[in-house]
Amino acid sequence: MQLTATGPWSPHPLSSLTAPWSAAMAALKTPFQRWSAPAAPQATELRIDVMLPLVEGELEALYERLYQPGSKLYGLERRPLHDPQFVLRWREVDGEWFAYVEDVAHACLAGYTVFNRLVEVDKRTDRRVRSPHSRFAPAYQRRGIASALYQQVLDQGVCLLSGARQSPGAHGLWNRLARSYADHYVAIADDKSLHYLSASQPPDAVLDQLSTRRLLLGAGWELEEFAQVVRMG
């Protein structure tokens, strides 16, 4: 696995949150079948599911709900993106953020990103980090959409923590973001606290451990201040 890293962070309080990915998806009560996660990749790849296959009809069903009066997705806040072809629809469910990317030029949904809470971390850390998971139709991948979404959240001072595995596509995305945001490696301890590892890639034996995560610091954070706030060892 070829991970890279850079340097530092500073606090920006977030609202207190609940409900992991599965609960949040159930809360949405979407009419399409729920996806089954593929088998975990081989150890040497940190996971972020930017490349998970979409369920057939999933994006179409979500798009219909954006314009269906009475739906929980109807009338969601609209935000601009990096490309005027797209508009971002934003929703919060139990502290998790759902960002739906609409292709206004072709009247369809390009994909979405969920900024999950992590049940693996303690409450202090949970208030300040999210773990992004993106799913986009093939035609919209590698067009900078996920990067633009992540940047919006990072620029608000939110820190991003990777999942236990990271696909090659997600790894490349995080490498690009690491050029502009402080990038570090941390481990989640048994007591759910974070332990600092390094600002450079740890040895493969450390990377292979499920507790090892990659951390991007949101705008305004310094590493020392973040460590003090979340009591990172």
Protein backbone atom coordinates (compact mmCIF):
# COMPACT_ATOMS: atom_id res chain seq x y z
CA MET A 1 0.00 0.00 0.00
CA GLN A 2 1.36 3.32 -0.98
CA LEU A 3 0.06 5.99 1.35
CA THR A 4 1.49 9.46 1.72
CA ALA A 5 1.09 12.15 4.33
CA THR A 6 1.79 15.74 5.24
CA GLY A 7 1.49 17.89 8.35
CA PRO A 8 -1.06 19.71 11.09
CA TRP A 9 -4.95 20.95 12.60
CA SER A 10 -7.55 23.45 14.99
CA PRO A 11 -11.06 23.09 16.57
CA HIS A 12 -14.45 23.82 15.18
CA PRO A 13 -17.30 22.48 17.35
CA LEU A 14 -19.87 20.25 15.71
CA SER A 15 -23.27 19.22 16.92
CA SER A 16 -23.51 16.06 19.02
CA LEU A 17 -24.47 13.05 16.89
CA THR A 18 -25.91 9.51 16.72
CA ALA A 19 -26.80 6.57 14.40
CA PRO A 20 -24.29 4.76 12.21
CA TRP A 21 -24.57 4.31 8.44
CA SER A 22 -27.06 1.43 8.55
CA ALA A 23 -29.42 3.20 10.95
CA ALA A 24 -29.26 6.42 8.98
CA MET A 25 -30.00 4.60 5.75
CA ALA A 26 -32.96 2.88 7.41
CA ALA A 27 -34.22 6.27 8.58
CA LEU A 28 -34.28 7.44 4.99
CA LYS A 29 -36.70 4.56 4.17
CA THR A 30 -35.67 4.58 0.53
CA PRO A 31 -37.81 2.43 -1.75
CA PHE A 32 -34.84 0.60 -3.26
CA GLN A 33 -33.11 -2.51 -1.98
CA ARG A 34 -30.26 -1.85 0.45
CA TRP A 35 -26.81 -2.65 -0.91
CA SER A 36 -24.58 -5.38 0.46
CA ALA A 37 -21.02 -4.32 1.10
CA PRO A 38 -18.46 -6.30 -0.90
CA ALA A 39 -15.90 -8.47 0.81
CA ALA A 40 -13.17 -6.42 2.49
CA PRO A 41 -10.12 -5.88 0.26
CA GLN A 42 -6.80 -7.42 1.09
CA ALA A 43 -4.97 -5.95 4.09
CA THR A 44 -2.68 -3.27 2.60
CA GLU A 45 -5.55 -1.01 1.52
CA LEU A 46 -7.28 1.33 3.93
CA ARG A 47 -10.99 1.36 3.09
CA ILE A 48 -13.21 4.18 1.90
CA ASP A 49 -16.13 3.07 -0.20
CA VAL A 50 -15.92 5.55 -3.07
CA MET A 51 -15.96 2.54 -5.38
CA LEU A 52 -18.84 0.47 -3.98
CA PRO A 53 -21.25 -0.64 -6.71
CA LEU A 54 -24.61 1.07 -6.75
CA VAL A 55 -27.83 -0.88 -6.42
CA GLU A 56 -29.80 -0.88 -9.67
CA GLY A 57 -32.25 2.02 -9.66
CA GLU A 58 -30.80 3.51 -6.46
CA LEU A 59 -29.89 6.93 -7.83
CA GLU A 60 -33.08 7.12 -9.89
CA ALA A 61 -35.21 6.46 -6.80
CA LEU A 62 -33.36 9.09 -4.78
CA TYR A 63 -33.70 11.64 -7.57
CA GLU A 64 -37.47 11.10 -7.73
CA ARG A 65 -37.70 11.70 -3.99
CA LEU A 66 -35.93 15.05 -4.37
CA TYR A 67 -38.97 16.27 -6.32
CA GLN A 68 -41.70 14.30 -4.56
CA PRO A 69 -43.78 16.47 -2.17
CA GLY A 70 -44.00 14.83 1.20
CA SER A 71 -40.70 13.00 0.82
CA LYS A 72 -37.99 13.62 3.41
CA LEU A 73 -35.71 14.57 0.53
CA TYR A 74 -38.13 17.10 -0.95
CA GLY A 75 -37.02 20.73 -0.73
CA LEU A 76 -33.53 20.01 0.64
CA GLU A 77 -31.14 22.93 0.95
CA ARG A 78 -29.27 23.62 -2.30
CA ARG A 79 -25.58 24.47 -2.32
CA PRO A 80 -23.25 25.27 -5.24
CA LEU A 81 -20.45 22.96 -6.26
CA HIS A 82 -17.22 23.45 -8.21
CA ASP A 83 -19.03 22.96 -11.53
CA PRO A 84 -22.28 24.82 -12.39
CA GLN A 85 -23.54 21.61 -14.01
CA PHE A 86 -24.06 20.24 -10.50
CA VAL A 87 -25.96 21.34 -7.44
CA LEU A 88 -25.55 19.91 -3.96
CA ARG A 89 -28.57 18.89 -1.87
CA TRP A 90 -27.73 18.71 1.84
CA ARG A 91 -29.48 16.78 4.62
CA GLU A 92 -28.61 15.90 8.23
CA VAL A 93 -29.93 12.74 9.94
CA ASP A 94 -28.92 12.08 13.54
CA GLY A 95 -25.71 14.01 13.08
CA GLU A 96 -24.71 12.28 9.85
CA TRP A 97 -24.61 14.41 6.72
CA PHE A 98 -26.03 13.28 3.39
CA ALA A 99 -24.80 15.21 0.35
CA TYR A 100 -26.73 14.42 -2.86
CA VAL A 101 -25.16 15.67 -6.09
CA GLU A 102 -27.72 16.55 -8.75
CA ASP A 103 -26.76 16.91 -12.40
CA VAL A 104 -29.09 19.76 -13.33
CA ALA A 105 -28.07 19.66 -16.99
CA HIS A 106 -29.24 16.05 -17.40
CA ALA A 107 -31.93 15.98 -14.68
CA CYS A 108 -30.50 13.08 -12.73
CA LEU A 109 -28.57 12.25 -9.58
CA ALA A 110 -24.83 11.83 -10.14
CA GLY A 111 -24.26 10.23 -6.75
CA TYR A 112 -24.00 11.03 -3.06
CA THR A 113 -21.62 11.17 -0.12
CA VAL A 114 -22.46 10.35 3.48
CA PHE A 115 -20.32 11.87 6.20
CA ASN A 116 -20.70 9.19 8.84
CA ARG A 117 -20.20 9.30 12.55
CA LEU A 118 -17.79 6.67 13.82
CA VAL A 119 -19.03 4.37 16.53
CA GLU A 120 -15.41 3.33 17.10
CA VAL A 121 -14.38 6.69 18.62
CA ASP A 122 -15.26 8.40 21.88
CA LYS A 123 -17.67 11.33 22.25
CA ARG A 124 -14.94 13.99 22.26
CA THR A 125 -13.64 12.77 18.92
CA ASP A 126 -17.12 12.15 17.52
CA ARG A 127 -17.94 15.85 17.87
CA ARG A 128 -15.07 16.80 15.57
CA VAL A 129 -14.59 14.12 12.93
CA ARG A 130 -16.63 12.43 10.20
CA SER A 131 -15.86 9.53 7.90
CA PRO A 132 -16.89 10.19 4.27
CA HIS A 133 -18.29 7.42 2.05
CA SER A 134 -19.17 8.23 -1.54
CA ARG A 135 -21.13 6.43 -4.24
CA PHE A 136 -21.27 7.86 -7.76
CA ALA A 137 -22.40 6.55 -11.10
CA PRO A 138 -19.44 5.53 -13.29
CA ALA A 139 -19.92 8.49 -15.65
CA TYR A 140 -19.37 10.89 -12.75
CA GLN A 141 -16.32 9.31 -11.17
CA ARG A 142 -12.88 10.93 -11.47
CA ARG A 143 -14.44 14.34 -12.14
CA GLY A 144 -13.48 15.99 -8.87
CA ILE A 145 -16.99 15.82 -7.38
CA ALA A 146 -16.04 13.90 -4.23
CA SER A 147 -13.00 16.14 -3.78
CA ALA A 148 -15.21 19.24 -3.93
CA LEU A 149 -17.59 17.77 -1.34
CA TYR A 150 -14.80 16.82 1.03
CA GLN A 151 -13.22 20.25 0.66
CA GLN A 152 -16.47 21.98 1.62
CA VAL A 153 -16.57 20.02 4.88
CA LEU A 154 -12.86 20.40 5.61
CA ASP A 155 -13.08 24.14 4.99
CA GLN A 156 -15.74 24.34 7.71
CA GLY A 157 -13.19 23.01 10.19
CA VAL A 158 -14.45 19.43 10.26
CA CYS A 159 -11.76 16.74 10.35
CA LEU A 160 -12.07 13.60 8.23
CA LEU A 161 -11.09 10.14 9.45
CA SER A 162 -10.80 7.22 7.07
CA GLY A 163 -12.43 3.85 7.51
CA ALA A 164 -10.49 0.71 8.37
CA ARG A 165 -9.82 0.06 4.68
CA GLN A 166 -9.24 2.38 1.76
CA SER A 167 -9.74 1.56 -1.90
CA PRO A 168 -7.13 2.66 -4.46
CA GLY A 169 -9.51 5.34 -5.76
CA ALA A 170 -10.14 6.70 -2.28
CA HIS A 171 -6.45 6.55 -1.51
CA GLY A 172 -5.75 8.73 -4.53
CA LEU A 173 -8.47 11.17 -3.47
CA TRP A 174 -7.01 11.50 0.02
CA ASN A 175 -3.52 11.99 -1.45
CA ARG A 176 -4.84 14.92 -3.49
CA LEU A 177 -6.55 16.45 -0.47
CA ALA A 178 -3.36 15.99 1.58
CA ARG A 179 -1.70 18.60 -0.65
CA SER A 180 -3.97 21.24 0.89
CA TYR A 181 -4.88 19.84 4.32
CA ALA A 182 -2.75 18.45 7.14
CA ASP A 183 -2.55 14.67 6.87
CA HIS A 184 -1.72 12.29 9.72
CA TYR A 185 -1.94 8.66 10.75
CA VAL A 186 -3.65 7.68 13.98
CA ALA A 187 -4.83 4.52 15.71
CA ILE A 188 -8.12 3.93 17.52
CA ALA A 189 -7.44 2.42 20.93
CA ASP A 190 -9.62 -0.10 22.76
CA ASP A 191 -11.03 2.72 24.91
CA LYS A 192 -12.12 4.53 21.66
CA SER A 193 -9.56 7.30 22.07
CA LEU A 194 -7.17 8.29 19.28
CA HIS A 195 -3.46 7.61 19.52
CA TYR A 196 -1.11 9.54 17.26
CA LEU A 197 1.15 7.50 14.96
CA SER A 198 2.94 9.80 12.53
CA ALA A 199 2.73 12.45 9.81
CA SER A 200 4.39 10.04 7.37
CA GLN A 201 3.40 6.59 6.23
CA PRO A 202 3.86 4.00 9.01
CA PRO A 203 5.37 0.58 8.31
CA ASP A 204 3.17 -1.93 6.47
CA ALA A 205 2.69 -3.95 9.67
CA VAL A 206 1.07 -0.89 11.27
CA LEU A 207 -0.96 0.03 8.17
CA ASP A 208 -2.39 -3.48 8.03
CA GLN A 209 -4.00 -3.13 11.46
CA LEU A 210 -7.71 -2.32 11.38
CA SER A 211 -7.24 0.28 14.10
CA THR A 212 -4.94 2.37 11.88
CA ARG A 213 -6.71 5.32 10.23
CA ARG A 214 -5.82 8.28 8.11
CA LEU A 215 -6.78 11.72 9.37
CA LEU A 216 -7.23 14.98 7.45
CA LEU A 217 -7.41 18.08 9.60
CA GLY A 218 -10.06 20.64 8.80
CA ALA A 219 -9.25 24.29 8.22
CA GLY A 220 -8.04 26.13 11.31
CA TRP A 221 -6.77 23.11 13.25
CA GLU A 222 -3.26 22.68 14.58
CA LEU A 223 -2.21 19.17 15.51
CA GLU A 224 -1.32 20.04 19.10
CA GLU A 225 -4.63 21.79 19.68
CA PHE A 226 -6.62 18.93 18.16
CA ALA A 227 -4.72 16.40 20.29
CA GLN A 228 -5.50 18.41 23.42
CA VAL A 229 -9.20 18.79 22.60
CA VAL A 230 -9.82 15.10 21.84
CA ARG A 231 -7.20 13.95 24.38
CA MET A 232 -5.22 12.10 21.76
CA GLY A 233 -2.27 10.20 23.17
